[in-house]
């Protein structure tokens, strides 16, 4: 694949991840957006897209984000997007809203 195609795909994956996080969790902090734009590994970005789509809450996603690509554990109830709703919890970032 040509270099410009790879870079364009990285930009698309970064934007997809940010959009998905906004849809799932609301406002994405600027530090997180900067962190996403610092990623240059397409495999990590795609793993994070899957994590964002399936994480039970913001904290679960953050744990996966900061694992620095050392894991791929998208299994169990932490990656059930309905987990917190089924347990009576929920709300933004997996916490009860006040």
PDB file of N, CA and C in Angstrom:
ATOM      1  N   UNK A   1       0.850  -1.169   0.000  1.00  0.00           N
ATOM      2  CA  UNK A   1       0.000   0.000   0.000  1.00  0.00           C
ATOM      3  C   UNK A   1       0.897   1.233   0.000  1.00  0.00           C
ATOM      4  N   UNK A   2       0.490   2.242  -0.747  1.00  0.00           N
ATOM      5  CA  UNK A   2       1.263   3.472  -0.815  1.00  0.00           C
ATOM      6  C   UNK A   2       1.185   4.227   0.494  1.00  0.00           C
ATOM      7  N   UNK A   3       2.203   5.015   0.739  1.00  0.00           N
ATOM      8  CA  UNK A   3       2.305   5.777   1.980  1.00  0.00           C
ATOM      9  C   UNK A   3       1.111   6.701   2.192  1.00  0.00           C
ATOM     10  N   UNK A   4       0.708   7.424   1.148  1.00  0.00           N
ATOM     11  CA  UNK A   4      -0.419   8.353   1.306  1.00  0.00           C
ATOM     12  C   UNK A   4      -1.720   7.607   1.554  1.00  0.00           C
ATOM     13  N   UNK A   5      -1.857   6.404   1.030  1.00  0.00           N
ATOM     14  CA  UNK A   5      -3.051   5.599   1.302  1.00  0.00           C
ATOM     15  C   UNK A   5      -3.064   5.150   2.752  1.00  0.00           C
ATOM     16  N   UNK A   6      -1.916   4.753   3.266  1.00  0.00           N
ATOM     17  CA  UNK A   6      -1.820   4.337   4.665  1.00  0.00           C
ATOM     18  C   UNK A   6      -2.158   5.495   5.590  1.00  0.00           C
ATOM     19  N   UNK A   7      -1.613   6.665   5.306  1.00  0.00           N
ATOM     20  CA  UNK A   7      -1.877   7.830   6.147  1.00  0.00           C
ATOM     21  C   UNK A   7      -3.353   8.207   6.095  1.00  0.00           C
ATOM     22  N   UNK A   8      -3.951   8.148   4.920  1.00  0.00           N
ATOM     23  CA  UNK A   8      -5.379   8.462   4.797  1.00  0.00           C
ATOM     24  C   UNK A   8      -6.221   7.472   5.591  1.00  0.00           C
ATOM     25  N   UNK A   9      -5.844   6.218   5.574  1.00  0.00           N
ATOM     26  CA  UNK A   9      -6.571   5.201   6.325  1.00  0.00           C
ATOM     27  C   UNK A   9      -6.399   5.407   7.833  1.00  0.00           C
ATOM     28  N   UNK A  10      -5.209   5.809   8.271  1.00  0.00           N
ATOM     29  CA  UNK A  10      -4.989   6.112   9.682  1.00  0.00           C
ATOM     30  C   UNK A  10      -5.874   7.273  10.127  1.00  0.00           C
ATOM     31  N   UNK A  11      -5.947   8.311   9.313  1.00  0.00           N
ATOM     32  CA  UNK A  11      -6.797   9.463   9.635  1.00  0.00           C
ATOM     33  C   UNK A  11      -8.248   9.025   9.733  1.00  0.00           C
ATOM     34  N   UNK A  12      -8.700   8.222   8.782  1.00  0.00           N
ATOM     35  CA  UNK A  12     -10.088   7.728   8.807  1.00  0.00           C
ATOM     36  C   UNK A  12     -10.362   6.917  10.067  1.00  0.00           C
ATOM     37  N   UNK A  13      -9.433   6.029  10.439  1.00  0.00           N
ATOM     38  CA  UNK A  13      -9.622   5.206  11.636  1.00  0.00           C
ATOM     39  C   UNK A  13      -9.639   6.070  12.898  1.00  0.00           C
ATOM     40  N   UNK A  14      -8.772   7.072  12.958  1.00  0.00           N
ATOM     41  CA  UNK A  14      -8.774   7.973  14.119  1.00  0.00           C
ATOM     42  C   UNK A  14     -10.114   8.701  14.243  1.00  0.00           C
ATOM     43  N   UNK A  15     -10.585   9.234  13.112  1.00  0.00           N
ATOM     44  CA  UNK A  15     -11.861   9.955  13.115  1.00  0.00           C
ATOM     45  C   UNK A  15     -13.025   9.027  13.454  1.00  0.00           C
ATOM     46  N   UNK A  16     -12.982   7.799  12.947  1.00  0.00           N
ATOM     47  CA  UNK A  16     -14.027   6.820  13.274  1.00  0.00           C
ATOM     48  C   UNK A  16     -14.037   6.524  14.771  1.00  0.00           C
ATOM     49  N   UNK A  17     -12.860   6.359  15.356  1.00  0.00           N
ATOM     50  CA  UNK A  17     -12.768   6.073  16.791  1.00  0.00           C
ATOM     51  C   UNK A  17     -13.324   7.235  17.610  1.00  0.00           C
ATOM     52  N   UNK A  18     -12.955   8.445  17.263  1.00  0.00           N
ATOM     53  CA  UNK A  18     -13.446   9.618  17.994  1.00  0.00           C
ATOM     54  C   UNK A  18     -14.963   9.737  17.858  1.00  0.00           C
ATOM     55  N   UNK A  19     -15.484   9.546  16.660  1.00  0.00           N
ATOM     56  CA  UNK A  19     -16.931   9.627  16.447  1.00  0.00           C
ATOM     57  C   UNK A  19     -17.666   8.553  17.244  1.00  0.00           C
ATOM     58  N   UNK A  20     -17.129   7.353  17.264  1.00  0.00           N
ATOM     59  CA  UNK A  20     -17.740   6.261  18.014  1.00  0.00           C
ATOM     60  C   UNK A  20     -17.736   6.559  19.511  1.00  0.00           C
ATOM     61  N   UNK A  21     -16.634   7.074  20.016  1.00  0.00           N
ATOM     62  CA  UNK A  21     -16.560   7.440  21.436  1.00  0.00           C
ATOM     63  C   UNK A  21     -17.577   8.524  21.772  1.00  0.00           C
ATOM     64  N   UNK A  22     -17.747   9.489  20.887  1.00  0.00           N
ATOM     65  CA  UNK A  22     -18.731  10.544  21.119  1.00  0.00           C
ATOM     66  C   UNK A  22     -20.150   9.978  21.128  1.00  0.00           C
ATOM     67  N   UNK A  23     -20.435   9.062  20.226  1.00  0.00           N
ATOM     68  CA  UNK A  23     -21.769   8.454  20.190  1.00  0.00           C
ATOM     69  C   UNK A  23     -22.047   7.644  21.451  1.00  0.00           C
ATOM     70  N   UNK A  24     -21.040   6.895  21.899  1.00  0.00           N
ATOM     71  CA  UNK A  24     -21.236   6.012  23.056  1.00  0.00           C
ATOM     72  C   UNK A  24     -21.197   6.738  24.389  1.00  0.00           C
ATOM     73  N   UNK A  25     -20.260   7.696  24.535  1.00  0.00           N
ATOM     74  CA  UNK A  25     -19.969   8.239  25.853  1.00  0.00           C
ATOM     75  C   UNK A  25     -20.130   9.752  25.977  1.00  0.00           C
ATOM     76  N   UNK A  26     -20.435  10.432  24.906  1.00  0.00           N
ATOM     77  CA  UNK A  26     -20.595  11.885  24.962  1.00  0.00           C
ATOM     78  C   UNK A  26     -19.300  12.589  24.607  1.00  0.00           C
ATOM     79  N   UNK A  27     -19.062  13.709  25.237  1.00  0.00           N
ATOM     80  CA  UNK A  27     -17.887  14.525  24.947  1.00  0.00           C
ATOM     81  C   UNK A  27     -16.601  13.754  25.239  1.00  0.00           C
ATOM     82  N   UNK A  28     -15.692  13.803  24.288  1.00  0.00           N
ATOM     83  CA  UNK A  28     -14.394  13.142  24.437  1.00  0.00           C
ATOM     84  C   UNK A  28     -13.379  14.200  24.857  1.00  0.00           C
ATOM     85  N   UNK A  29     -12.687  13.987  25.983  1.00  0.00           N
ATOM     86  CA  UNK A  29     -11.706  14.973  26.450  1.00  0.00           C
ATOM     87  C   UNK A  29     -10.613  15.226  25.410  1.00  0.00           C
ATOM     88  N   UNK A  30     -10.118  16.445  25.387  1.00  0.00           N
ATOM     89  CA  UNK A  30      -9.064  16.824  24.442  1.00  0.00           C
ATOM     90  C   UNK A  30      -7.828  15.966  24.557  1.00  0.00           C
ATOM     91  N   UNK A  31      -7.479  15.575  25.798  1.00  0.00           N
ATOM     92  CA  UNK A  31      -6.296  14.728  25.984  1.00  0.00           C
ATOM     93  C   UNK A  31      -6.467  13.381  25.284  1.00  0.00           C
ATOM     94  N   UNK A  32      -7.704  12.863  25.306  1.00  0.00           N
ATOM     95  CA  UNK A  32      -7.970  11.587  24.640  1.00  0.00           C
ATOM     96  C   UNK A  32      -7.841  11.750  23.128  1.00  0.00           C
ATOM     97  N   UNK A  33      -8.354  12.844  22.599  1.00  0.00           N
ATOM     98  CA  UNK A  33      -8.252  13.086  21.153  1.00  0.00           C
ATOM     99  C   UNK A  33      -6.785  13.203  20.753  1.00  0.00           C
ATOM    100  N   UNK A  34      -5.990  13.908  21.555  1.00  0.00           N
ATOM    101  CA  UNK A  34      -4.556  14.003  21.280  1.00  0.00           C
ATOM    102  C   UNK A  34      -3.904  12.622  21.323  1.00  0.00           C
ATOM    103  N   UNK A  35      -4.299  11.821  22.310  1.00  0.00           N
ATOM    104  CA  UNK A  35      -3.756  10.468  22.414  1.00  0.00           C
ATOM    105  C   UNK A  35      -4.102   9.615  21.202  1.00  0.00           C
ATOM    106  N   UNK A  36      -5.327   9.754  20.729  1.00  0.00           N
ATOM    107  CA  UNK A  36      -5.753   8.998  19.550  1.00  0.00           C
ATOM    108  C   UNK A  36      -4.948   9.433  18.331  1.00  0.00           C
ATOM    109  N   UNK A  37      -4.744  10.742  18.177  1.00  0.00           N
ATOM    110  CA  UNK A  37      -3.973  11.229  17.031  1.00  0.00           C
ATOM    111  C   UNK A  37      -2.493  10.900  17.116  1.00  0.00           C
ATOM    112  N   UNK A  38      -2.009  10.512  18.279  1.00  0.00           N
ATOM    113  CA  UNK A  38      -0.609  10.116  18.385  1.00  0.00           C
ATOM    114  C   UNK A  38      -0.395   8.665  17.958  1.00  0.00           C
ATOM    115  N   UNK A  39      -1.490   7.914  17.795  1.00  0.00           N
ATOM    116  CA  UNK A  39      -1.382   6.505  17.400  1.00  0.00           C
ATOM    117  C   UNK A  39      -1.103   6.398  15.909  1.00  0.00           C
ATOM    118  N   UNK A  40      -0.123   5.587  15.558  1.00  0.00           N
ATOM    119  CA  UNK A  40       0.234   5.395  14.152  1.00  0.00           C
ATOM    120  C   UNK A  40       0.178   3.939  13.720  1.00  0.00           C
ATOM    121  N   UNK A  41      -0.349   3.085  14.572  1.00  0.00           N
ATOM    122  CA  UNK A  41      -0.453   1.660  14.269  1.00  0.00           C
ATOM    123  C   UNK A  41      -1.916   1.335  13.955  1.00  0.00           C
ATOM    124  N   UNK A  42      -2.173   0.944  12.720  1.00  0.00           N
ATOM    125  CA  UNK A  42      -3.528   0.661  12.281  1.00  0.00           C
ATOM    126  C   UNK A  42      -4.165  -0.484  13.074  1.00  0.00           C
ATOM    127  N   UNK A  43      -3.358  -1.460  13.464  1.00  0.00           N
ATOM    128  CA  UNK A  43      -3.896  -2.582  14.234  1.00  0.00           C
ATOM    129  C   UNK A  43      -4.403  -2.130  15.602  1.00  0.00           C
ATOM    130  N   UNK A  44      -3.655  -1.240  16.248  1.00  0.00           N
ATOM    131  CA  UNK A  44      -4.082  -0.722  17.545  1.00  0.00           C
ATOM    132  C   UNK A  44      -5.354   0.097  17.392  1.00  0.00           C
ATOM    133  N   UNK A  45      -5.410   0.937  16.367  1.00  0.00           N
ATOM    134  CA  UNK A  45      -6.611   1.748  16.138  1.00  0.00           C
ATOM    135  C   UNK A  45      -7.831   0.867  15.906  1.00  0.00           C
ATOM    136  N   UNK A  46      -7.684  -0.167  15.120  1.00  0.00           N
ATOM    137  CA  UNK A  46      -8.820  -1.054  14.853  1.00  0.00           C
ATOM    138  C   UNK A  46      -9.241  -1.809  16.105  1.00  0.00           C
ATOM    139  N   UNK A  47      -8.281  -2.196  16.941  1.00  0.00           N
ATOM    140  CA  UNK A  47      -8.600  -2.846  18.217  1.00  0.00           C
ATOM    141  C   UNK A  47      -9.368  -1.887  19.119  1.00  0.00           C
ATOM    142  N   UNK A  48      -8.959  -0.630  19.134  1.00  0.00           N
ATOM    143  CA  UNK A  48      -9.638   0.361  19.958  1.00  0.00           C
ATOM    144  C   UNK A  48     -11.042   0.676  19.442  1.00  0.00           C
ATOM    145  N   UNK A  49     -11.231   0.621  18.144  1.00  0.00           N
ATOM    146  CA  UNK A  49     -12.579   0.805  17.587  1.00  0.00           C
ATOM    147  C   UNK A  49     -13.494  -0.310  18.080  1.00  0.00           C
ATOM    148  N   UNK A  50     -13.011  -1.541  18.039  1.00  0.00           N
ATOM    149  CA  UNK A  50     -13.796  -2.668  18.557  1.00  0.00           C
ATOM    150  C   UNK A  50     -14.050  -2.517  20.048  1.00  0.00           C
ATOM    151  N   UNK A  51     -13.033  -2.073  20.779  1.00  0.00           N
ATOM    152  CA  UNK A  51     -13.194  -1.869  22.218  1.00  0.00           C
ATOM    153  C   UNK A  51     -14.217  -0.787  22.504  1.00  0.00           C
ATOM    154  N   UNK A  52     -14.154   0.316  21.778  1.00  0.00           N
ATOM    155  CA  UNK A  52     -15.098   1.419  21.993  1.00  0.00           C
ATOM    156  C   UNK A  52     -16.531   0.994  21.695  1.00  0.00           C
ATOM    157  N   UNK A  53     -16.698   0.170  20.698  1.00  0.00           N
ATOM    158  CA  UNK A  53     -18.043  -0.283  20.331  1.00  0.00           C
ATOM    159  C   UNK A  53     -18.626  -1.238  21.366  1.00  0.00           C
ATOM    160  N   UNK A  54     -17.772  -1.953  22.077  1.00  0.00           N
ATOM    161  CA  UNK A  54     -18.248  -3.011  22.959  1.00  0.00           C
ATOM    162  C   UNK A  54     -18.009  -2.790  24.438  1.00  0.00           C
ATOM    163  N   UNK A  55     -17.240  -1.789  24.804  1.00  0.00           N
ATOM    164  CA  UNK A  55     -16.937  -1.552  26.221  1.00  0.00           C
ATOM    165  C   UNK A  55     -18.210  -1.233  26.992  1.00  0.00           C
ATOM    166  N   UNK A  56     -18.313  -1.790  28.185  1.00  0.00           N
ATOM    167  CA  UNK A  56     -19.500  -1.574  29.013  1.00  0.00           C
ATOM    168  C   UNK A  56     -19.609  -0.120  29.468  1.00  0.00           C
ATOM    169  N   UNK A  57     -18.462   0.551  29.633  1.00  0.00           N
ATOM    170  CA  UNK A  57     -18.488   1.948  30.060  1.00  0.00           C
ATOM    171  C   UNK A  57     -17.152   2.603  29.713  1.00  0.00           C
ATOM    172  N   UNK A  58     -17.073   3.895  29.994  1.00  0.00           N
ATOM    173  CA  UNK A  58     -15.886   4.684  29.669  1.00  0.00           C
ATOM    174  C   UNK A  58     -14.630   4.137  30.353  1.00  0.00           C
ATOM    175  N   UNK A  59     -14.755   3.724  31.617  1.00  0.00           N
ATOM    176  CA  UNK A  59     -13.602   3.222  32.363  1.00  0.00           C
ATOM    177  C   UNK A  59     -13.029   1.956  31.732  1.00  0.00           C
ATOM    178  N   UNK A  60     -13.892   1.091  31.239  1.00  0.00           N
ATOM    179  CA  UNK A  60     -13.427  -0.130  30.567  1.00  0.00           C
ATOM    180  C   UNK A  60     -12.660   0.248  29.305  1.00  0.00           C
ATOM    181  N   UNK A  61     -13.181   1.215  28.548  1.00  0.00           N
ATOM    182  CA  UNK A  61     -12.467   1.654  27.347  1.00  0.00           C
ATOM    183  C   UNK A  61     -11.108   2.250  27.711  1.00  0.00           C
ATOM    184  N   UNK A  62     -11.074   3.108  28.750  1.00  0.00           N
ATOM    185  CA  UNK A  62      -9.803   3.719  29.156  1.00  0.00           C
ATOM    186  C   UNK A  62      -8.764   2.667  29.521  1.00  0.00           C
ATOM    187  N   UNK A  63      -9.190   1.631  30.232  1.00  0.00           N
ATOM    188  CA  UNK A  63      -8.263   0.555  30.604  1.00  0.00           C
ATOM    189  C   UNK A  63      -7.667  -0.082  29.351  1.00  0.00           C
ATOM    190  N   UNK A  64      -8.499  -0.304  28.354  1.00  0.00           N
ATOM    191  CA  UNK A  64      -8.023  -0.902  27.111  1.00  0.00           C
ATOM    192  C   UNK A  64      -7.118   0.076  26.356  1.00  0.00           C
ATOM    193  N   UNK A  65      -7.480   1.351  26.352  1.00  0.00           N
ATOM    194  CA  UNK A  65      -6.691   2.367  25.654  1.00  0.00           C
ATOM    195  C   UNK A  65      -5.284   2.463  26.240  1.00  0.00           C
ATOM    196  N   UNK A  66      -5.197   2.465  27.559  1.00  0.00           N
ATOM    197  CA  UNK A  66      -3.909   2.633  28.209  1.00  0.00           C
ATOM    198  C   UNK A  66      -3.129   1.330  28.366  1.00  0.00           C
ATOM    199  N   UNK A  67      -3.663   0.228  27.872  1.00  0.00           N
ATOM    200  CA  UNK A  67      -2.914  -1.023  27.917  1.00  0.00           C
ATOM    201  C   UNK A  67      -1.787  -1.027  26.895  1.00  0.00           C
ATOM    202  N   UNK A  68      -1.698   0.040  26.098  1.00  0.00           N
ATOM    203  CA  UNK A  68      -0.597   0.245  25.140  1.00  0.00           C
ATOM    204  C   UNK A  68      -0.463  -0.891  24.135  1.00  0.00           C
ATOM    205  N   UNK A  69      -1.564  -1.471  23.746  1.00  0.00           N
ATOM    206  CA  UNK A  69      -1.517  -2.505  22.728  1.00  0.00           C
ATOM    207  C   UNK A  69      -0.997  -3.833  23.204  1.00  0.00           C
ATOM    208  N   UNK A  70      -0.820  -3.981  24.509  1.00  0.00           N
ATOM    209  CA  UNK A  70      -0.277  -5.218  25.053  1.00  0.00           C
ATOM    210  C   UNK A  70      -1.332  -6.289  25.257  1.00  0.00           C
ATOM    211  N   UNK A  71      -2.559  -5.970  24.959  1.00  0.00           N
ATOM    212  CA  UNK A  71      -3.595  -6.963  25.202  1.00  0.00           C
ATOM    213  C   UNK A  71      -4.652  -6.894  24.113  1.00  0.00           C
ATOM    214  N   UNK A  72      -5.428  -7.917  24.092  1.00  0.00           N
ATOM    215  CA  UNK A  72      -6.566  -7.960  23.185  1.00  0.00           C
ATOM    216  C   UNK A  72      -7.601  -8.827  23.892  1.00  0.00           C
ATOM    217  N   UNK A  73      -8.229  -8.233  24.944  1.00  0.00           N
ATOM    218  CA  UNK A  73      -9.120  -9.007  25.785  1.00  0.00           C
ATOM    219  C   UNK A  73     -10.559  -8.530  25.664  1.00  0.00           C
ATOM    220  N   UNK A  74     -11.057  -8.497  24.480  1.00  0.00           N
ATOM    221  CA  UNK A  74     -12.419  -8.036  24.290  1.00  0.00           C
ATOM    222  C   UNK A  74     -13.364  -9.229  24.516  1.00  0.00           C
ATOM    223  N   UNK A  75     -13.363  -9.707  25.761  1.00  0.00           N
ATOM    224  CA  UNK A  75     -14.217 -10.824  26.141  1.00  0.00           C
ATOM    225  C   UNK A  75     -14.805 -10.542  27.512  1.00  0.00           C
ATOM    226  N   UNK A  76     -15.889 -11.210  27.819  1.00  0.00           N
ATOM    227  CA  UNK A  76     -16.490 -11.093  29.142  1.00  0.00           C
ATOM    228  C   UNK A  76     -17.449  -9.918  29.248  1.00  0.00           C
ATOM    229  N   UNK A  77     -17.963  -9.753  30.428  1.00  0.00           N
ATOM    230  CA  UNK A  77     -18.984  -8.736  30.667  1.00  0.00           C
ATOM    231  C   UNK A  77     -18.463  -7.304  30.549  1.00  0.00           C
ATOM    232  N   UNK A  78     -17.154  -7.089  30.677  1.00  0.00           N
ATOM    233  CA  UNK A  78     -16.626  -5.744  30.481  1.00  0.00           C
ATOM    234  C   UNK A  78     -16.829  -5.257  29.057  1.00  0.00           C
ATOM    235  N   UNK A  79     -17.014  -6.187  28.135  1.00  0.00           N
ATOM    236  CA  UNK A  79     -17.225  -5.818  26.747  1.00  0.00           C
ATOM    237  C   UNK A  79     -18.630  -6.198  26.283  1.00  0.00           C
ATOM    238  N   UNK A  80     -19.573  -6.024  27.180  1.00  0.00           N
ATOM    239  CA  UNK A  80     -20.996  -6.132  26.879  1.00  0.00           C
ATOM    240  C   UNK A  80     -21.540  -4.715  26.993  1.00  0.00           C
ATOM    241  N   UNK A  81     -21.840  -4.058  25.859  1.00  0.00           N
ATOM    242  CA  UNK A  81     -22.256  -2.658  25.927  1.00  0.00           C
ATOM    243  C   UNK A  81     -23.538  -2.426  26.725  1.00  0.00           C
ATOM    244  N   UNK A  82     -24.275  -3.467  27.035  1.00  0.00           N
ATOM    245  CA  UNK A  82     -25.512  -3.331  27.805  1.00  0.00           C
ATOM    246  C   UNK A  82     -25.341  -3.704  29.271  1.00  0.00           C
ATOM    247  N   UNK A  83     -24.135  -4.085  29.668  1.00  0.00           N
ATOM    248  CA  UNK A  83     -23.898  -4.564  31.022  1.00  0.00           C
ATOM    249  C   UNK A  83     -24.409  -3.608  32.092  1.00  0.00           C
ATOM    250  N   UNK A  84     -24.026  -2.371  32.038  1.00  0.00           N
ATOM    251  CA  UNK A  84     -24.399  -1.420  33.082  1.00  0.00           C
ATOM    252  C   UNK A  84     -25.898  -1.153  33.090  1.00  0.00           C
ATOM    253  N   UNK A  85     -26.524  -1.181  31.942  1.00  0.00           N
ATOM    254  CA  UNK A  85     -27.972  -0.999  31.892  1.00  0.00           C
ATOM    255  C   UNK A  85     -28.698  -2.187  32.513  1.00  0.00           C
ATOM    256  N   UNK A  86     -28.177  -3.380  32.269  1.00  0.00           N
ATOM    257  CA  UNK A  86     -28.808  -4.584  32.797  1.00  0.00           C
ATOM    258  C   UNK A  86     -28.617  -4.689  34.311  1.00  0.00           C
ATOM    259  N   UNK A  87     -27.540  -4.108  34.832  1.00  0.00           N
ATOM    260  CA  UNK A  87     -27.273  -4.154  36.262  1.00  0.00           C
ATOM    261  C   UNK A  87     -27.939  -2.997  37.005  1.00  0.00           C
ATOM    262  N   UNK A  88     -28.685  -2.178  36.273  1.00  0.00           N
ATOM    263  CA  UNK A  88     -29.354  -1.051  36.912  1.00  0.00           C
ATOM    264  C   UNK A  88     -28.470   0.163  37.044  1.00  0.00           C
ATOM    265  N   UNK A  89     -27.248   0.068  36.581  1.00  0.00           N
ATOM    266  CA  UNK A  89     -26.334   1.209  36.614  1.00  0.00           C
ATOM    267  C   UNK A  89     -26.517   2.022  35.365  1.00  0.00           C
ATOM    268  N   UNK A  90     -25.438   2.383  34.801  1.00  0.00           N
ATOM    269  CA  UNK A  90     -25.495   3.110  33.538  1.00  0.00           C
ATOM    270  C   UNK A  90     -25.181   4.556  33.736  1.00  0.00           C
ATOM    271  N   UNK A  91     -25.620   5.328  32.829  1.00  0.00           N
ATOM    272  CA  UNK A  91     -25.282   6.731  32.838  1.00  0.00           C
ATOM    273  C   UNK A  91     -23.979   6.947  32.111  1.00  0.00           C
ATOM    274  N   UNK A  92     -23.631   8.186  31.974  1.00  0.00           N
ATOM    275  CA  UNK A  92     -22.426   8.548  31.273  1.00  0.00           C
ATOM    276  C   UNK A  92     -21.219   8.054  32.031  1.00  0.00           C
ATOM    277  N   UNK A  93     -20.266   7.467  31.327  1.00  0.00           N
ATOM    278  CA  UNK A  93     -19.026   6.940  31.869  1.00  0.00           C
ATOM    279  C   UNK A  93     -19.275   5.802  32.868  1.00  0.00           C
ATOM    280  N   UNK A  94     -20.431   5.138  32.780  1.00  0.00           N
ATOM    281  CA  UNK A  94     -20.692   3.980  33.614  1.00  0.00           C
ATOM    282  C   UNK A  94     -21.050   4.327  35.036  1.00  0.00           C
ATOM    283  N   UNK A  95     -21.367   5.574  35.318  1.00  0.00           N
ATOM    284  CA  UNK A  95     -21.703   5.982  36.681  1.00  0.00           C
ATOM    285  C   UNK A  95     -23.139   6.485  36.697  1.00  0.00           C
ATOM    286  N   UNK A  96     -23.758   6.375  37.824  1.00  0.00           N
ATOM    287  CA  UNK A  96     -25.110   6.903  37.992  1.00  0.00           C
ATOM    288  C   UNK A  96     -25.080   8.411  37.794  1.00  0.00           C
ATOM    289  N   UNK A  97     -26.048   8.909  37.060  1.00  0.00           N
ATOM    290  CA  UNK A  97     -26.162  10.344  36.918  1.00  0.00           C
ATOM    291  C   UNK A  97     -26.915  10.914  38.098  1.00  0.00           C
ATOM    292  N   UNK A  98     -26.492  12.065  38.545  1.00  0.00           N
ATOM    293  CA  UNK A  98     -27.111  12.670  39.729  1.00  0.00           C
ATOM    294  C   UNK A  98     -28.099  13.725  39.308  1.00  0.00           C
TER     295      UNK A  98
END
